[in-house]
Amino acid sequence: LYLTDTVDGKLSVSSIRNNLIEKYGEKKGLRLFDMW
Protein backbone atom coordinates (compact mmCIF):
# COMPACT_ATOMS: atom_id res chain seq x y z
CA LEU A 1 0.00 0.00 0.00
CA TYR A 2 1.61 3.26 -1.12
CA LEU A 3 1.41 6.60 0.68
CA THR A 4 2.04 10.04 -0.78
CA ASP A 5 1.61 13.53 0.65
CA THR A 6 -2.13 12.84 1.09
CA VAL A 7 -1.53 10.42 3.99
CA ASP A 8 -4.59 11.76 5.85
CA GLY A 9 -6.83 12.14 2.81
CA LYS A 10 -10.25 10.60 2.27
CA LEU A 11 -8.62 7.46 0.83
CA SER A 12 -6.32 6.93 3.81
CA VAL A 13 -6.53 3.67 5.72
CA SER A 14 -7.90 5.44 8.80
CA SER A 15 -10.57 7.29 6.76
CA ILE A 16 -11.68 4.10 5.04
CA ARG A 17 -11.87 2.33 8.42
CA ASN A 18 -13.88 5.17 9.98
CA ASN A 19 -16.25 5.36 7.00
CA LEU A 20 -16.91 1.61 7.06
CA ILE A 21 -17.66 1.69 10.79
CA GLU A 22 -19.94 4.70 10.35
CA LYS A 23 -21.81 3.10 7.45
CA TYR A 24 -22.10 -0.50 8.72
CA GLY A 25 -21.61 -0.30 12.47
CA GLU A 26 -18.49 -1.30 14.38
CA LYS A 27 -18.69 -5.10 14.09
CA LYS A 28 -19.56 -5.36 10.40
CA GLY A 29 -17.47 -2.30 9.49
CA LEU A 30 -14.32 -3.75 11.09
CA ARG A 31 -14.95 -7.14 9.46
CA LEU A 32 -15.22 -5.46 6.02
CA PHE A 33 -12.14 -3.36 6.78
CA ASP A 34 -10.11 -6.47 7.69
CA MET A 35 -11.26 -8.23 4.51
CA TRP A 36 -10.41 -5.17 2.39
Full PDB file with SEQRES, HELIX, SHEET, SSBOND, CRYST1, ORIGX, SCALE, CONECT and MASTER records, all heavy atoms in Angstrom:
SEQRES   1 A   36  LEU TYR LEU THR ASP THR VAL ASP GLY LYS LEU SER VAL          
SEQRES   2 A   36  SER SER ILE ARG ASN ASN LEU ILE GLU LYS TYR GLY GLU          
SEQRES   3 A   36  LYS LYS GLY LEU ARG LEU PHE ASP MET TRP                      
HELIX    1 AA1 VAL A   13  TYR A   24  1                                  12    
HELIX    2 AA2 GLU A   26  MET A   35  1                                  10    
CRYST1    1.000    1.000    1.000  90.00  90.00  90.00 P 1           1          
ORIGX1      1.000000  0.000000  0.000000        0.00000                         
ORIGX2      0.000000  1.000000  0.000000        0.00000                         
ORIGX3      0.000000  0.000000  1.000000        0.00000                         
SCALE1      1.000000  0.000000  0.000000        0.00000                         
SCALE2      0.000000  1.000000  0.000000        0.00000                         
SCALE3      0.000000  0.000000  1.000000        0.00000                         
ATOM      1  N   LEU A   1       0.867  -1.165   0.000  1.00  0.00           N  
ATOM      2  CA  LEU A   1       0.000   0.000   0.000  1.00  0.00           C  
ATOM      3  C   LEU A   1       0.908   1.221   0.000  1.00  0.00           C  
ATOM      4  O   LEU A   1       1.807   1.318   0.833  1.00  0.00           O  
ATOM      5  CB  LEU A   1      -0.892   0.003   1.244  1.00  0.00           C  
ATOM      6  CG  LEU A   1      -1.821   1.190   1.396  1.00  0.00           C  
ATOM      7  CD1 LEU A   1      -2.911   1.142   0.321  1.00  0.00           C  
ATOM      8  CD2 LEU A   1      -2.445   1.210   2.775  1.00  0.00           C  
ATOM      9  N   TYR A   2       0.709   2.130  -0.946  1.00  0.00           N  
ATOM     10  CA  TYR A   2       1.612   3.261  -1.119  1.00  0.00           C  
ATOM     11  C   TYR A   2       1.002   4.542  -0.580  1.00  0.00           C  
ATOM     12  O   TYR A   2      -0.173   4.826  -0.815  1.00  0.00           O  
ATOM     13  CB  TYR A   2       1.966   3.423  -2.600  1.00  0.00           C  
ATOM     14  CG  TYR A   2       2.725   2.237  -3.127  1.00  0.00           C  
ATOM     15  CD1 TYR A   2       2.079   1.185  -3.751  1.00  0.00           C  
ATOM     16  CD2 TYR A   2       4.105   2.150  -2.949  1.00  0.00           C  
ATOM     17  CE1 TYR A   2       2.780   0.083  -4.215  1.00  0.00           C  
ATOM     18  CE2 TYR A   2       4.813   1.048  -3.408  1.00  0.00           C  
ATOM     19  CZ  TYR A   2       4.145   0.025  -4.037  1.00  0.00           C  
ATOM     20  OH  TYR A   2       4.843  -1.066  -4.487  1.00  0.00           O  
ATOM     21  N   LEU A   3       1.828   5.315   0.126  1.00  0.00           N  
ATOM     22  CA  LEU A   3       1.406   6.595   0.681  1.00  0.00           C  
ATOM     23  C   LEU A   3       2.149   7.723  -0.022  1.00  0.00           C  
ATOM     24  O   LEU A   3       3.323   7.598  -0.346  1.00  0.00           O  
ATOM     25  CB  LEU A   3       1.713   6.663   2.180  1.00  0.00           C  
ATOM     26  CG  LEU A   3       1.088   5.609   3.074  1.00  0.00           C  
ATOM     27  CD1 LEU A   3       1.520   5.836   4.523  1.00  0.00           C  
ATOM     28  CD2 LEU A   3      -0.430   5.612   2.967  1.00  0.00           C  
ATOM     29  N   THR A   4       1.433   8.832  -0.224  1.00  0.00           N  
ATOM     30  CA  THR A   4       2.044  10.041  -0.778  1.00  0.00           C  
ATOM     31  C   THR A   4       1.787  11.172   0.218  1.00  0.00           C  
ATOM     32  O   THR A   4       1.504  10.931   1.391  1.00  0.00           O  
ATOM     33  CB  THR A   4       1.449  10.384  -2.153  1.00  0.00           C  
ATOM     34  OG1 THR A   4       0.064  10.706  -1.994  1.00  0.00           O  
ATOM     35  CG2 THR A   4       1.600   9.219  -3.127  1.00  0.00           C  
ATOM     36  N   ASP A   5       1.827  12.402  -0.247  1.00  0.00           N  
ATOM     37  CA  ASP A   5       1.605  13.533   0.652  1.00  0.00           C  
ATOM     38  C   ASP A   5       0.173  13.623   1.167  1.00  0.00           C  
ATOM     39  O   ASP A   5      -0.104  14.382   2.071  1.00  0.00           O  
ATOM     40  CB  ASP A   5       2.006  14.841  -0.034  1.00  0.00           C  
ATOM     41  CG  ASP A   5       1.284  15.077  -1.336  1.00  0.00           C  
ATOM     42  OD1 ASP A   5       1.004  14.107  -2.057  1.00  0.00           O  
ATOM     43  OD2 ASP A   5       1.028  16.254  -1.653  1.00  0.00           O  
ATOM     44  N   THR A   6      -0.738  12.836   0.642  1.00  0.00           N  
ATOM     45  CA  THR A   6      -2.127  12.844   1.086  1.00  0.00           C  
ATOM     46  C   THR A   6      -2.385  11.727   2.096  1.00  0.00           C  
ATOM     47  O   THR A   6      -3.419  11.076   2.066  1.00  0.00           O  
ATOM     48  CB  THR A   6      -3.083  12.701  -0.114  1.00  0.00           C  
ATOM     49  OG1 THR A   6      -2.763  11.498  -0.816  1.00  0.00           O  
ATOM     50  CG2 THR A   6      -2.972  13.888  -1.049  1.00  0.00           C  
ATOM     51  N   VAL A   7      -1.445  11.518   3.021  1.00  0.00           N  
ATOM     52  CA  VAL A   7      -1.525  10.424   3.989  1.00  0.00           C  
ATOM     53  C   VAL A   7      -2.808  10.465   4.824  1.00  0.00           C  
ATOM     54  O   VAL A   7      -3.305   9.429   5.235  1.00  0.00           O  
ATOM     55  CB  VAL A   7      -0.271  10.390   4.899  1.00  0.00           C  
ATOM     56  CG1 VAL A   7      -0.223  11.579   5.830  1.00  0.00           C  
ATOM     57  CG2 VAL A   7      -0.188   9.097   5.688  1.00  0.00           C  
ATOM     58  N   ASP A   8      -3.363  11.634   5.060  1.00  0.00           N  
ATOM     59  CA  ASP A   8      -4.586  11.757   5.854  1.00  0.00           C  
ATOM     60  C   ASP A   8      -5.813  12.059   5.003  1.00  0.00           C  
ATOM     61  O   ASP A   8      -6.831  12.479   5.514  1.00  0.00           O  
ATOM     62  CB  ASP A   8      -4.421  12.863   6.904  1.00  0.00           C  
ATOM     63  CG  ASP A   8      -3.478  12.460   8.015  1.00  0.00           C  
ATOM     64  OD1 ASP A   8      -3.483  11.265   8.385  1.00  0.00           O  
ATOM     65  OD2 ASP A   8      -2.740  13.328   8.502  1.00  0.00           O  
ATOM     66  N   GLY A   9      -5.724  11.838   3.698  1.00  0.00           N  
ATOM     67  CA  GLY A   9      -6.835  12.136   2.806  1.00  0.00           C  
ATOM     68  C   GLY A   9      -8.009  11.189   2.969  1.00  0.00           C  
ATOM     69  O   GLY A   9      -7.992  10.255   3.776  1.00  0.00           O  
ATOM     70  N   LYS A  10      -9.024  11.410   2.166  1.00  0.00           N  
ATOM     71  CA  LYS A  10     -10.249  10.604   2.273  1.00  0.00           C  
ATOM     72  C   LYS A  10     -10.028   9.145   1.877  1.00  0.00           C  
ATOM     73  O   LYS A  10     -10.831   8.289   2.213  1.00  0.00           O  
ATOM     74  CB  LYS A  10     -11.381  11.223   1.466  1.00  0.00           C  
ATOM     75  CG  LYS A  10     -11.170  11.231  -0.031  1.00  0.00           C  
ATOM     76  CD  LYS A  10     -12.329  11.894  -0.738  1.00  0.00           C  
ATOM     77  CE  LYS A  10     -12.088  11.885  -2.229  1.00  0.00           C  
ATOM     78  NZ  LYS A  10     -13.187  12.473  -2.969  1.00  0.00           N  
ATOM     79  N   LEU A  11      -8.922   8.840   1.180  1.00  0.00           N  
ATOM     80  CA  LEU A  11      -8.623   7.459   0.826  1.00  0.00           C  
ATOM     81  C   LEU A  11      -7.563   6.841   1.740  1.00  0.00           C  
ATOM     82  O   LEU A  11      -7.035   5.779   1.443  1.00  0.00           O  
ATOM     83  CB  LEU A  11      -8.167   7.375  -0.636  1.00  0.00           C  
ATOM     84  CG  LEU A  11      -9.221   7.763  -1.666  1.00  0.00           C  
ATOM     85  CD1 LEU A  11      -8.639   7.707  -3.065  1.00  0.00           C  
ATOM     86  CD2 LEU A  11     -10.445   6.877  -1.557  1.00  0.00           C  
ATOM     87  N   SER A  12      -7.279   7.493   2.866  1.00  0.00           N  
ATOM     88  CA  SER A  12      -6.317   6.927   3.811  1.00  0.00           C  
ATOM     89  C   SER A  12      -6.927   5.703   4.487  1.00  0.00           C  
ATOM     90  O   SER A  12      -8.151   5.529   4.534  1.00  0.00           O  
ATOM     91  CB  SER A  12      -5.921   7.961   4.865  1.00  0.00           C  
ATOM     92  OG  SER A  12      -7.003   8.216   5.747  1.00  0.00           O  
ATOM     93  N   VAL A  13      -6.068   4.871   5.029  1.00  0.00           N  
ATOM     94  CA  VAL A  13      -6.526   3.666   5.723  1.00  0.00           C  
ATOM     95  C   VAL A  13      -7.457   4.051   6.869  1.00  0.00           C  
ATOM     96  O   VAL A  13      -8.531   3.462   7.030  1.00  0.00           O  
ATOM     97  CB  VAL A  13      -5.318   2.847   6.238  1.00  0.00           C  
ATOM     98  CG1 VAL A  13      -5.779   1.674   7.082  1.00  0.00           C  
ATOM     99  CG2 VAL A  13      -4.459   2.366   5.080  1.00  0.00           C  
ATOM    100  N   SER A  14      -7.071   5.048   7.651  1.00  0.00           N  
ATOM    101  CA  SER A  14      -7.902   5.444   8.796  1.00  0.00           C  
ATOM    102  C   SER A  14      -9.252   6.003   8.352  1.00  0.00           C  
ATOM    103  O   SER A  14     -10.281   5.703   8.967  1.00  0.00           O  
ATOM    104  CB  SER A  14      -7.164   6.450   9.685  1.00  0.00           C  
ATOM    105  OG  SER A  14      -6.790   7.593   8.966  1.00  0.00           O  
ATOM    106  N   SER A  15      -9.291   6.765   7.261  1.00  0.00           N  
ATOM    107  CA  SER A  15     -10.568   7.293   6.760  1.00  0.00           C  
ATOM    108  C   SER A  15     -11.470   6.179   6.250  1.00  0.00           C  
ATOM    109  O   SER A  15     -12.679   6.182   6.509  1.00  0.00           O  
ATOM    110  CB  SER A  15     -10.332   8.307   5.646  1.00  0.00           C  
ATOM    111  OG  SER A  15      -9.760   9.470   6.145  1.00  0.00           O  
ATOM    112  N   ILE A  16     -10.886   5.232   5.532  1.00  0.00           N  
ATOM    113  CA  ILE A  16     -11.677   4.100   5.037  1.00  0.00           C  
ATOM    114  C   ILE A  16     -12.246   3.311   6.213  1.00  0.00           C  
ATOM    115  O   ILE A  16     -13.428   2.949   6.224  1.00  0.00           O  
ATOM    116  CB  ILE A  16     -10.829   3.201   4.111  1.00  0.00           C  
ATOM    117  CG1 ILE A  16     -10.504   3.959   2.814  1.00  0.00           C  
ATOM    118  CG2 ILE A  16     -11.526   1.872   3.829  1.00  0.00           C  
ATOM    119  CD1 ILE A  16      -9.479   3.286   1.925  1.00  0.00           C  
ATOM    120  N   ARG A  17     -11.417   3.056   7.214  1.00  0.00           N  
ATOM    121  CA  ARG A  17     -11.867   2.331   8.423  1.00  0.00           C  
ATOM    122  C   ARG A  17     -13.021   3.075   9.092  1.00  0.00           C  
ATOM    123  O   ARG A  17     -14.067   2.482   9.399  1.00  0.00           O  
ATOM    124  CB  ARG A  17     -10.700   2.164   9.384  1.00  0.00           C  
ATOM    125  CG  ARG A  17     -11.026   1.380  10.634  1.00  0.00           C  
ATOM    126  CD  ARG A  17      -9.763   1.281  11.523  1.00  0.00           C  
ATOM    127  NE  ARG A  17      -9.955   0.427  12.654  1.00  0.00           N  
ATOM    128  CZ  ARG A  17     -10.436   0.843  13.820  1.00  0.00           C  
ATOM    129  NH1 ARG A  17     -10.771   2.101  13.992  1.00  0.00           N  
ATOM    130  NH2 ARG A  17     -10.585  -0.025  14.817  1.00  0.00           N  
ATOM    131  N   ASN A  18     -12.843   4.371   9.316  1.00  0.00           N  
ATOM    132  CA  ASN A  18     -13.883   5.167   9.977  1.00  0.00           C  
ATOM    133  C   ASN A  18     -15.169   5.203   9.161  1.00  0.00           C  
ATOM    134  O   ASN A  18     -16.268   5.106   9.718  1.00  0.00           O  
ATOM    135  CB  ASN A  18     -13.379   6.590  10.242  1.00  0.00           C  
ATOM    136  CG  ASN A  18     -12.265   6.625  11.256  1.00  0.00           C  
ATOM    137  OD1 ASN A  18     -12.093   5.701  12.052  1.00  0.00           O  
ATOM    138  ND2 ASN A  18     -11.492   7.697  11.241  1.00  0.00           N  
ATOM    139  N   ASN A  19     -15.058   5.329   7.854  1.00  0.00           N  
ATOM    140  CA  ASN A  19     -16.252   5.355   6.997  1.00  0.00           C  
ATOM    141  C   ASN A  19     -17.003   4.032   7.012  1.00  0.00           C  
ATOM    142  O   ASN A  19     -18.234   4.006   7.018  1.00  0.00           O  
ATOM    143  CB  ASN A  19     -15.876   5.740   5.570  1.00  0.00           C  
ATOM    144  CG  ASN A  19     -15.470   7.191   5.453  1.00  0.00           C  
ATOM    145  OD1 ASN A  19     -15.812   8.018   6.286  1.00  0.00           O  
ATOM    146  ND2 ASN A  19     -14.709   7.508   4.417  1.00  0.00           N  
ATOM    147  N   LEU A  20     -16.257   2.922   7.007  1.00  0.00           N  
ATOM    148  CA  LEU A  20     -16.915   1.607   7.062  1.00  0.00           C  
ATOM    149  C   LEU A  20     -17.635   1.402   8.385  1.00  0.00           C  
ATOM    150  O   LEU A  20     -18.752   0.868   8.422  1.00  0.00           O  
ATOM    151  CB  LEU A  20     -15.885   0.493   6.829  1.00  0.00           C  
ATOM    152  CG  LEU A  20     -15.383   0.348   5.399  1.00  0.00           C  
ATOM    153  CD1 LEU A  20     -14.207  -0.621   5.337  1.00  0.00           C  
ATOM    154  CD2 LEU A  20     -16.502  -0.105   4.467  1.00  0.00           C  
ATOM    155  N   ILE A  21     -17.021   1.813   9.480  1.00  0.00           N  
ATOM    156  CA  ILE A  21     -17.661   1.690  10.793  1.00  0.00           C  
ATOM    157  C   ILE A  21     -18.905   2.564  10.863  1.00  0.00           C  
ATOM    158  O   ILE A  21     -19.951   2.135  11.357  1.00  0.00           O  
ATOM    159  CB  ILE A  21     -16.661   2.047  11.920  1.00  0.00           C  
ATOM    160  CG1 ILE A  21     -15.590   0.964  12.034  1.00  0.00           C  
ATOM    161  CG2 ILE A  21     -17.375   2.230  13.251  1.00  0.00           C  
ATOM    162  CD1 ILE A  21     -14.434   1.324  12.960  1.00  0.00           C  
ATOM    163  N   GLU A  22     -18.794   3.795  10.342  1.00  0.00           N  
ATOM    164  CA  GLU A  22     -19.942   4.704  10.348  1.00  0.00           C  
ATOM    165  C   GLU A  22     -21.093   4.152   9.509  1.00  0.00           C  
ATOM    166  O   GLU A  22     -22.253   4.232   9.898  1.00  0.00           O  
ATOM    167  CB  GLU A  22     -19.508   6.069   9.818  1.00  0.00           C  
ATOM    168  CG  GLU A  22     -20.593   7.123   9.864  1.00  0.00           C  
ATOM    169  CD  GLU A  22     -20.111   8.461   9.352  1.00  0.00           C  
ATOM    170  OE1 GLU A  22     -19.049   8.927   9.801  1.00  0.00           O  
ATOM    171  OE2 GLU A  22     -20.806   9.038   8.486  1.00  0.00           O  
ATOM    172  N   LYS A  23     -20.772   3.580   8.366  1.00  0.00           N  
ATOM    173  CA  LYS A  23     -21.812   3.098   7.451  1.00  0.00           C  
ATOM    174  C   LYS A  23     -22.437   1.773   7.898  1.00  0.00           C  
ATOM    175  O   LYS A  23     -23.648   1.582   7.759  1.00  0.00           O  
ATOM    176  CB  LYS A  23     -21.223   2.939   6.045  1.00  0.00           C  
ATOM    177  CG  LYS A  23     -22.241   2.596   4.981  1.00  0.00           C  
ATOM    178  CD  LYS A  23     -21.655   2.654   3.603  1.00  0.00           C  
ATOM    179  CE  LYS A  23     -22.717   2.386   2.561  1.00  0.00           C  
ATOM    180  NZ  LYS A  23     -22.212   2.541   1.200  1.00  0.00           N  
ATOM    181  N   TYR A  24     -21.613   0.845   8.427  1.00  0.00           N  
ATOM    182  CA  TYR A  24     -22.104  -0.505   8.716  1.00  0.00           C  
ATOM    183  C   TYR A  24     -22.126  -0.871  10.191  1.00  0.00           C  
ATOM    184  O   TYR A  24     -22.485  -1.992  10.535  1.00  0.00           O  
ATOM    185  CB  TYR A  24     -21.235  -1.533   7.978  1.00  0.00           C  
ATOM    186  CG  TYR A  24     -21.305  -1.389   6.478  1.00  0.00           C  
ATOM    187  CD1 TYR A  24     -20.246  -0.836   5.768  1.00  0.00           C  
ATOM    188  CD2 TYR A  24     -22.439  -1.783   5.772  1.00  0.00           C  
ATOM    189  CE1 TYR A  24     -20.303  -0.690   4.390  1.00  0.00           C  
ATOM    190  CE2 TYR A  24     -22.511  -1.638   4.399  1.00  0.00           C  
ATOM    191  CZ  TYR A  24     -21.445  -1.091   3.716  1.00  0.00           C  
ATOM    192  OH  TYR A  24     -21.505  -0.949   2.348  1.00  0.00           O  
ATOM    193  N   GLY A  25     -21.720   0.023  11.055  1.00  0.00           N  
ATOM    194  CA  GLY A  25     -21.606  -0.298  12.470  1.00  0.00           C  
ATOM    195  C   GLY A  25     -20.233  -0.893  12.752  1.00  0.00           C  
ATOM    196  O   GLY A  25     -19.526  -1.322  11.828  1.00  0.00           O  
ATOM    197  N   GLU A  26     -19.853  -0.909  14.037  1.00  0.00           N  
ATOM    198  CA  GLU A  26     -18.486  -1.301  14.382  1.00  0.00           C  
ATOM    199  C   GLU A  26     -18.161  -2.751  14.003  1.00  0.00           C  
ATOM    200  O   GLU A  26     -17.131  -3.002  13.364  1.00  0.00           O  
ATOM    201  CB  GLU A  26     -18.222  -1.085  15.873  1.00  0.00           C  
ATOM    202  CG  GLU A  26     -16.771  -1.330  16.217  1.00  0.00           C  
ATOM    203  CD  GLU A  26     -16.395  -0.803  17.584  1.00  0.00           C  
ATOM    204  OE1 GLU A  26     -17.228  -0.154  18.233  1.00  0.00           O  
ATOM    205  OE2 GLU A  26     -15.255  -1.053  17.986  1.00  0.00           O  
ATOM    206  N   LYS A  27     -19.015  -3.684  14.346  1.00  0.00           N  
ATOM    207  CA  LYS A  27     -18.694  -5.098  14.094  1.00  0.00           C  
ATOM    208  C   LYS A  27     -18.564  -5.401  12.598  1.00  0.00           C  
ATOM    209  O   LYS A  27     -17.550  -5.931  12.139  1.00  0.00           O  
ATOM    210  CB  LYS A  27     -19.752  -5.991  14.740  1.00  0.00           C  
ATOM    211  CG  LYS A  27     -19.440  -7.450  14.661  1.00  0.00           C  
ATOM    212  CD  LYS A  27     -20.490  -8.280  15.398  1.00  0.00           C  
ATOM    213  CE  LYS A  27     -20.165  -9.751  15.274  1.00  0.00           C  
ATOM    214  NZ  LYS A  27     -21.151 -10.574  15.974  1.00  0.00           N  
ATOM    215  N   LYS A  28     -19.589  -5.077  11.835  1.00  0.00           N  
ATOM    216  CA  LYS A  28     -19.562  -5.362  10.400  1.00  0.00           C  
ATOM    217  C   LYS A  28     -18.525  -4.486   9.692  1.00  0.00           C  
ATOM    218  O   LYS A  28     -17.813  -4.949   8.789  1.00  0.00           O  
ATOM    219  CB  LYS A  28     -20.937  -5.149   9.780  1.00  0.00           C  
ATOM    220  CG  LYS A  28     -21.009  -5.535   8.319  1.00  0.00           C  
ATOM    221  CD  LYS A  28     -22.411  -5.404   7.748  1.00  0.00           C  
ATOM    222  CE  LYS A  28     -22.434  -5.840   6.295  1.00  0.00           C  
ATOM    223  NZ  LYS A  28     -23.785  -5.705   5.729  1.00  0.00           N  
ATOM    224  N   GLY A  29     -18.427  -3.220  10.095  1.00  0.00           N  
ATOM    225  CA  GLY A  29     -17.466  -2.304   9.488  1.00  0.00           C  
ATOM    226  C   GLY A  29     -16.035  -2.784   9.656  1.00  0.00           C  
ATOM    227  O   GLY A  29     -15.243  -2.763   8.711  1.00  0.00           O  
ATOM    228  N   LEU A  30     -15.679  -3.250  10.858  1.00  0.00           N  
ATOM    229  CA  LEU A  30     -14.324  -3.755  11.093  1.00  0.00           C  
ATOM    230  C   LEU A  30     -14.064  -5.056  10.335  1.00  0.00           C  
ATOM    231  O   LEU A  30     -12.961  -5.286   9.854  1.00  0.00           O  
ATOM    232  CB  LEU A  30     -14.073  -3.948  12.587  1.00  0.00           C  
ATOM    233  CG  LEU A  30     -13.928  -2.665  13.399  1.00  0.00           C  
ATOM    234  CD1 LEU A  30     -13.806  -2.970  14.884  1.00  0.00           C  
ATOM    235  CD2 LEU A  30     -12.741  -1.840  12.906  1.00  0.00           C  
ATOM    236  N   ARG A  31     -15.107  -5.898  10.228  1.00  0.00           N  
ATOM    237  CA  ARG A  31     -14.953  -7.142   9.459  1.00  0.00           C  
ATOM    238  C   ARG A  31     -14.692  -6.826   7.974  1.00  0.00           C  
ATOM    239  O   ARG A  31     -13.801  -7.406   7.356  1.00  0.00           O  
ATOM    240  CB  ARG A  31     -16.193  -8.029   9.625  1.00  0.00           C  
ATOM    241  CG  ARG A  31     -16.013  -9.430   9.059  1.00  0.00           C  
ATOM    242  CD  ARG A  31     -17.175 -10.371   9.357  1.00  0.00           C  
ATOM    243  NE  ARG A  31     -18.401  -9.908   8.721  1.00  0.00           N  
ATOM    244  CZ  ARG A  31     -19.513  -9.582   9.385  1.00  0.00           C  
ATOM    245  NH1 ARG A  31     -19.581  -9.697  10.693  1.00  0.00           N  
ATOM    246  NH2 ARG A  31     -20.592  -9.157   8.743  1.00  0.00           N  
ATOM    247  N   LEU A  32     -15.436  -5.879   7.415  1.00  0.00           N  
ATOM    248  CA  LEU A  32     -15.223  -5.461   6.022  1.00  0.00           C  
ATOM    249  C   LEU A  32     -13.848  -4.816   5.848  1.00  0.00           C  
ATOM    250  O   LEU A  32     -13.149  -5.079   4.862  1.00  0.00           O  
ATOM    251  CB  LEU A  32     -16.314  -4.479   5.590  1.00  0.00           C  
ATOM    252  CG  LEU A  32     -17.708  -5.071   5.406  1.00  0.00           C  
ATOM    253  CD1 LEU A  32     -18.740  -3.956   5.234  1.00  0.00           C  
ATOM    254  CD2 LEU A  32     -17.726  -6.016   4.218  1.00  0.00           C  
ATOM    255  N   PHE A  33     -13.455  -4.003   6.821  1.00  0.00           N  
ATOM    256  CA  PHE A  33     -12.144  -3.361   6.781  1.00  0.00           C  
ATOM    257  C   PHE A  33     -11.035  -4.412   6.758  1.00  0.00           C  
ATOM    258  O   PHE A  33     -10.104  -4.331   5.948  1.00  0.00           O  
ATOM    259  CB  PHE A  33     -11.985  -2.437   7.998  1.00  0.00           C  
ATOM    260  CG  PHE A  33     -10.634  -1.821   8.121  1.00  0.00           C  
ATOM    261  CD1 PHE A  33     -10.295  -0.709   7.371  1.00  0.00           C  
ATOM    262  CD2 PHE A  33      -9.692  -2.350   8.989  1.00  0.00           C  
ATOM    263  CE1 PHE A  33      -9.042  -0.133   7.488  1.00  0.00           C  
ATOM    264  CE2 PHE A  33      -8.437  -1.787   9.109  1.00  0.00           C  
ATOM    265  CZ  PHE A  33      -8.110  -0.676   8.357  1.00  0.00           C  
ATOM    266  N   ASP A  34     -11.129  -5.404   7.642  1.00  0.00           N  
ATOM    267  CA  ASP A  34     -10.114  -6.466   7.691  1.00  0.00           C  
ATOM    268  C   ASP A  34     -10.062  -7.245   6.381  1.00  0.00           C  
ATOM    269  O   ASP A  34      -8.977  -7.583   5.891  1.00  0.00           O  
ATOM    270  CB  ASP A  34     -10.370  -7.411   8.866  1.00  0.00           C  
ATOM    271  CG  ASP A  34     -10.091  -6.763  10.217  1.00  0.00           C  
ATOM    272  OD1 ASP A  34      -9.365  -5.747  10.254  1.00  0.00           O  
ATOM    273  OD2 ASP A  34     -10.611  -7.268  11.233  1.00  0.00           O  
ATOM    274  N   MET A  35     -11.228  -7.516   5.792  1.00  0.00           N  
ATOM    275  CA  MET A  35     -11.262  -8.226   4.512  1.00  0.00           C  
ATOM    276  C   MET A  35     -10.618  -7.379   3.412  1.00  0.00           C  
ATOM    277  O   MET A  35      -9.876  -7.894   2.586  1.00  0.00           O  
ATOM    278  CB  MET A  35     -12.714  -8.567   4.136  1.00  0.00           C  
ATOM    279  CG  MET A  35     -13.322  -9.673   4.976  1.00  0.00           C  
ATOM    280  SD  MET A  35     -15.105  -9.926   4.727  1.00  0.00           S  
ATOM    281  CE  MET A  35     -15.299  -9.837   2.984  1.00  0.00           C  
ATOM    282  N   TRP A  36     -10.908  -6.087   3.406  1.00  0.00           N  
ATOM    283  CA  TRP A  36     -10.415  -5.168   2.395  1.00  0.00           C  
ATOM    284  C   TRP A  36      -8.892  -5.102   2.389  1.00  0.00           C  
ATOM    285  O   TRP A  36      -8.267  -5.100   1.344  1.00  0.00           O  
ATOM    286  CB  TRP A  36     -10.991  -3.783   2.665  1.00  0.00           C  
ATOM    287  CG  TRP A  36     -10.767  -2.733   1.607  1.00  0.00           C  
ATOM    288  CD1 TRP A  36      -9.688  -2.593   0.792  1.00  0.00           C  
ATOM    289  CD2 TRP A  36     -11.645  -1.674   1.278  1.00  0.00           C  
ATOM    290  NE1 TRP A  36      -9.825  -1.493  -0.018  1.00  0.00           N  
ATOM    291  CE2 TRP A  36     -11.028  -0.908   0.261  1.00  0.00           C  
ATOM    292  CE3 TRP A  36     -12.881  -1.267   1.740  1.00  0.00           C  
ATOM    293  CZ2 TRP A  36     -11.614   0.225  -0.291  1.00  0.00           C  
ATOM    294  CZ3 TRP A  36     -13.448  -0.145   1.185  1.00  0.00           C  
ATOM    295  CH2 TRP A  36     -12.831   0.581   0.177  1.00  0.00           C  
TER     296      TRP A  36                                                      
MASTER        0    0    0    2    0    0    0    6  295    1    0    3          
END                                                                             
